[in-house]
């Protein structure tokens, strides 16, 4: 997740970000990047998180945050 309210969304995505803020150039909620980070961090690593998975949890949906997606980071250890 990269960017802030006045970031150049397209440039961040071309530079390799998997999620970036404000494709619609609007003021985003300060919690939106945290929602994205929490979802990616708590999703099992064999699953892929897309913006569709997050859209309902974001104040402005895909207008505030968008992206291509990311593989989850949670590791499940079998003991």
N, C-alpha and C. Protein backbone atom coordinates (compact mmCIF):
# COMPACT_ATOMS: atom_id res chain seq x y z
N UNK A 1 0.86 -1.17 0.00
CA UNK A 1 0.00 0.00 0.00
C UNK A 1 0.89 1.22 0.00
N UNK A 2 0.71 2.08 -0.98
CA UNK A 2 1.52 3.28 -1.10
C UNK A 2 0.63 4.49 -1.33
N UNK A 3 1.17 5.63 -0.99
CA UNK A 3 0.53 6.88 -1.36
C UNK A 3 -0.27 7.53 -0.25
N UNK A 4 -0.71 8.71 -0.54
CA UNK A 4 -1.57 9.48 0.35
C UNK A 4 -2.59 10.19 -0.53
N UNK A 5 -3.36 11.07 0.05
CA UNK A 5 -4.49 11.67 -0.66
C UNK A 5 -4.12 12.38 -1.97
N UNK A 6 -2.96 13.00 -2.02
CA UNK A 6 -2.61 13.73 -3.23
C UNK A 6 -1.52 13.04 -4.03
N UNK A 7 -1.39 11.74 -3.86
CA UNK A 7 -0.38 10.98 -4.60
C UNK A 7 -0.83 10.76 -6.04
N UNK A 8 0.13 10.49 -6.87
CA UNK A 8 -0.14 10.17 -8.27
C UNK A 8 -0.35 8.66 -8.37
N UNK A 9 -1.61 8.24 -8.28
CA UNK A 9 -1.98 6.83 -8.22
C UNK A 9 -1.35 6.02 -9.35
N UNK A 10 -1.49 6.49 -10.58
CA UNK A 10 -0.99 5.75 -11.73
C UNK A 10 0.52 5.56 -11.67
N UNK A 11 1.24 6.59 -11.24
CA UNK A 11 2.69 6.50 -11.11
C UNK A 11 3.11 5.48 -10.05
N UNK A 12 2.39 5.45 -8.94
CA UNK A 12 2.70 4.48 -7.89
C UNK A 12 2.46 3.05 -8.37
N UNK A 13 1.40 2.85 -9.12
CA UNK A 13 1.10 1.51 -9.63
C UNK A 13 2.14 1.09 -10.67
N UNK A 14 2.55 2.02 -11.53
CA UNK A 14 3.59 1.70 -12.52
C UNK A 14 4.92 1.40 -11.85
N UNK A 15 5.16 2.01 -10.69
CA UNK A 15 6.41 1.79 -9.97
C UNK A 15 6.42 0.46 -9.20
N UNK A 16 5.28 -0.24 -9.18
CA UNK A 16 5.27 -1.56 -8.58
C UNK A 16 4.42 -1.75 -7.34
N UNK A 17 3.67 -0.74 -6.94
CA UNK A 17 2.79 -0.90 -5.78
C UNK A 17 1.67 -1.89 -6.12
N UNK A 18 1.24 -2.67 -5.14
CA UNK A 18 0.11 -3.57 -5.38
C UNK A 18 -1.21 -2.93 -4.98
N UNK A 19 -1.18 -1.96 -4.07
CA UNK A 19 -2.33 -1.13 -3.73
C UNK A 19 -1.82 0.30 -3.58
N UNK A 20 -2.63 1.26 -3.96
CA UNK A 20 -2.27 2.67 -3.80
C UNK A 20 -3.54 3.46 -3.50
N UNK A 21 -3.35 4.62 -2.92
CA UNK A 21 -4.50 5.41 -2.50
C UNK A 21 -4.92 6.45 -3.52
N UNK A 22 -6.18 6.75 -3.45
CA UNK A 22 -6.85 7.85 -4.13
C UNK A 22 -6.76 7.87 -5.66
N UNK A 23 -7.19 6.79 -6.32
CA UNK A 23 -7.25 6.84 -7.79
C UNK A 23 -8.23 7.90 -8.29
N UNK A 24 -9.24 8.25 -7.46
CA UNK A 24 -10.22 9.27 -7.85
C UNK A 24 -9.81 10.66 -7.37
N UNK A 25 -8.60 10.79 -6.78
CA UNK A 25 -8.07 12.06 -6.30
C UNK A 25 -8.99 12.67 -5.23
N UNK A 26 -9.44 11.83 -4.30
CA UNK A 26 -10.28 12.29 -3.21
C UNK A 26 -9.54 12.15 -1.89
N UNK A 27 -10.03 12.79 -0.87
CA UNK A 27 -9.47 12.68 0.47
C UNK A 27 -9.90 11.34 1.05
N UNK A 28 -8.94 10.48 1.36
CA UNK A 28 -9.28 9.15 1.88
C UNK A 28 -9.37 9.18 3.40
N UNK A 29 -10.04 8.19 3.94
CA UNK A 29 -10.11 8.01 5.38
C UNK A 29 -8.75 7.51 5.87
N UNK A 30 -8.28 8.01 7.00
CA UNK A 30 -6.95 7.62 7.48
C UNK A 30 -6.88 6.13 7.82
N UNK A 31 -8.01 5.48 8.02
CA UNK A 31 -8.02 4.06 8.36
C UNK A 31 -7.92 3.15 7.14
N UNK A 32 -8.21 3.66 5.96
CA UNK A 32 -8.23 2.81 4.76
C UNK A 32 -6.91 2.07 4.51
N UNK A 33 -5.75 2.73 4.57
CA UNK A 33 -4.50 1.98 4.38
C UNK A 33 -4.28 0.91 5.46
N UNK A 34 -4.76 1.19 6.66
CA UNK A 34 -4.64 0.20 7.74
C UNK A 34 -5.53 -1.01 7.48
N UNK A 35 -6.70 -0.79 6.92
CA UNK A 35 -7.61 -1.89 6.58
C UNK A 35 -6.95 -2.79 5.54
N UNK A 36 -6.32 -2.20 4.53
CA UNK A 36 -5.64 -2.97 3.49
C UNK A 36 -4.49 -3.77 4.10
N UNK A 37 -3.66 -3.12 4.89
CA UNK A 37 -2.51 -3.79 5.50
C UNK A 37 -2.95 -4.93 6.41
N UNK A 38 -3.98 -4.71 7.21
CA UNK A 38 -4.48 -5.74 8.12
C UNK A 38 -5.01 -6.94 7.36
N UNK A 39 -5.74 -6.70 6.29
CA UNK A 39 -6.31 -7.79 5.50
C UNK A 39 -5.20 -8.64 4.86
N UNK A 40 -4.20 -8.00 4.29
CA UNK A 40 -3.09 -8.73 3.66
C UNK A 40 -2.30 -9.50 4.72
N UNK A 41 -2.06 -8.87 5.86
CA UNK A 41 -1.27 -9.51 6.92
C UNK A 41 -1.96 -10.71 7.55
N UNK A 42 -3.28 -10.70 7.60
CA UNK A 42 -4.00 -11.78 8.27
C UNK A 42 -4.61 -12.81 7.31
N UNK A 43 -4.32 -12.67 6.03
CA UNK A 43 -4.79 -13.64 5.03
C UNK A 43 -3.69 -14.68 4.82
N UNK A 44 -4.08 -15.95 4.77
CA UNK A 44 -3.10 -17.02 4.57
C UNK A 44 -2.31 -16.80 3.29
N UNK A 45 -1.03 -17.19 3.33
CA UNK A 45 -0.13 -16.91 2.21
C UNK A 45 -0.51 -17.60 0.90
N UNK A 46 -1.33 -18.64 0.95
CA UNK A 46 -1.73 -19.29 -0.29
C UNK A 46 -2.97 -18.63 -0.92
N UNK A 47 -3.52 -17.61 -0.27
CA UNK A 47 -4.67 -16.89 -0.81
C UNK A 47 -4.24 -15.54 -1.36
N UNK A 48 -5.02 -15.01 -2.29
CA UNK A 48 -4.73 -13.73 -2.93
C UNK A 48 -5.81 -12.74 -2.53
N UNK A 49 -5.42 -11.57 -2.06
CA UNK A 49 -6.35 -10.52 -1.65
C UNK A 49 -6.52 -9.53 -2.80
N UNK A 50 -7.75 -9.30 -3.22
CA UNK A 50 -8.03 -8.32 -4.26
C UNK A 50 -8.79 -7.14 -3.67
N UNK A 51 -8.93 -6.10 -4.44
CA UNK A 51 -9.66 -4.93 -3.98
C UNK A 51 -11.13 -5.27 -3.75
N UNK A 52 -11.65 -6.24 -4.47
CA UNK A 52 -13.04 -6.67 -4.27
C UNK A 52 -13.24 -7.24 -2.87
N UNK A 53 -12.20 -7.87 -2.30
CA UNK A 53 -12.27 -8.41 -0.94
C UNK A 53 -12.33 -7.30 0.10
N UNK A 54 -11.84 -6.13 -0.24
CA UNK A 54 -11.73 -5.02 0.71
C UNK A 54 -12.77 -3.92 0.50
N UNK A 55 -13.38 -3.89 -0.63
CA UNK A 55 -14.22 -2.76 -1.03
C UNK A 55 -15.28 -2.38 0.01
N UNK A 56 -15.93 -3.33 0.63
CA UNK A 56 -16.98 -3.04 1.60
C UNK A 56 -16.43 -2.45 2.90
N UNK A 57 -15.17 -2.69 3.19
CA UNK A 57 -14.57 -2.21 4.44
C UNK A 57 -13.96 -0.81 4.31
N UNK A 58 -13.83 -0.33 3.08
CA UNK A 58 -13.23 0.99 2.84
C UNK A 58 -14.32 2.05 2.75
N UNK A 59 -14.07 3.22 3.31
CA UNK A 59 -15.09 4.27 3.33
C UNK A 59 -15.57 4.62 1.93
N UNK A 60 -14.65 4.82 0.99
CA UNK A 60 -15.02 5.23 -0.37
C UNK A 60 -14.81 4.14 -1.41
N UNK A 61 -14.62 2.91 -0.96
CA UNK A 61 -14.44 1.80 -1.88
C UNK A 61 -13.25 2.00 -2.80
N UNK A 62 -13.41 1.64 -4.08
CA UNK A 62 -12.32 1.72 -5.03
C UNK A 62 -11.98 3.16 -5.44
N UNK A 63 -12.80 4.11 -5.07
CA UNK A 63 -12.45 5.51 -5.35
C UNK A 63 -11.34 5.98 -4.42
N UNK A 64 -11.28 5.40 -3.20
CA UNK A 64 -10.28 5.80 -2.22
C UNK A 64 -9.01 5.00 -2.26
N UNK A 65 -9.14 3.70 -2.50
CA UNK A 65 -7.98 2.79 -2.58
C UNK A 65 -8.29 1.79 -3.67
N UNK A 66 -7.30 1.48 -4.48
CA UNK A 66 -7.48 0.46 -5.50
C UNK A 66 -6.13 -0.22 -5.74
N UNK A 67 -6.13 -1.24 -6.56
CA UNK A 67 -4.89 -1.93 -6.86
C UNK A 67 -5.11 -3.28 -7.51
N UNK A 68 -4.01 -3.96 -7.73
CA UNK A 68 -4.06 -5.24 -8.42
C UNK A 68 -4.23 -6.42 -7.49
N UNK A 69 -3.83 -6.29 -6.24
CA UNK A 69 -3.95 -7.37 -5.28
C UNK A 69 -2.61 -7.78 -4.72
N UNK A 70 -2.68 -8.64 -3.71
CA UNK A 70 -1.46 -9.10 -3.05
C UNK A 70 -1.70 -10.48 -2.44
N UNK A 71 -0.65 -11.27 -2.42
CA UNK A 71 -0.72 -12.56 -1.75
C UNK A 71 -0.71 -12.33 -0.24
N UNK A 72 -1.52 -13.10 0.48
CA UNK A 72 -1.57 -12.99 1.94
C UNK A 72 -0.20 -13.27 2.55
N UNK A 73 0.00 -12.81 3.78
CA UNK A 73 1.29 -12.94 4.45
C UNK A 73 1.26 -13.88 5.66
N UNK A 74 0.08 -14.32 6.07
CA UNK A 74 -0.02 -15.14 7.27
C UNK A 74 0.51 -16.54 6.99
N UNK A 75 1.44 -16.97 7.82
CA UNK A 75 2.00 -18.32 7.69
C UNK A 75 1.32 -19.23 8.70
N UNK A 76 0.90 -20.38 8.24
CA UNK A 76 0.26 -21.36 9.10
C UNK A 76 1.24 -22.49 9.28
N UNK A 77 1.70 -22.67 10.52
CA UNK A 77 2.68 -23.71 10.81
C UNK A 77 1.99 -24.98 11.26
N UNK A 78 2.35 -26.08 10.68
CA UNK A 78 1.82 -27.37 11.08
C UNK A 78 2.82 -28.02 12.03
N UNK A 79 2.38 -28.32 13.22
CA UNK A 79 3.26 -28.90 14.22
C UNK A 79 2.92 -30.34 14.46
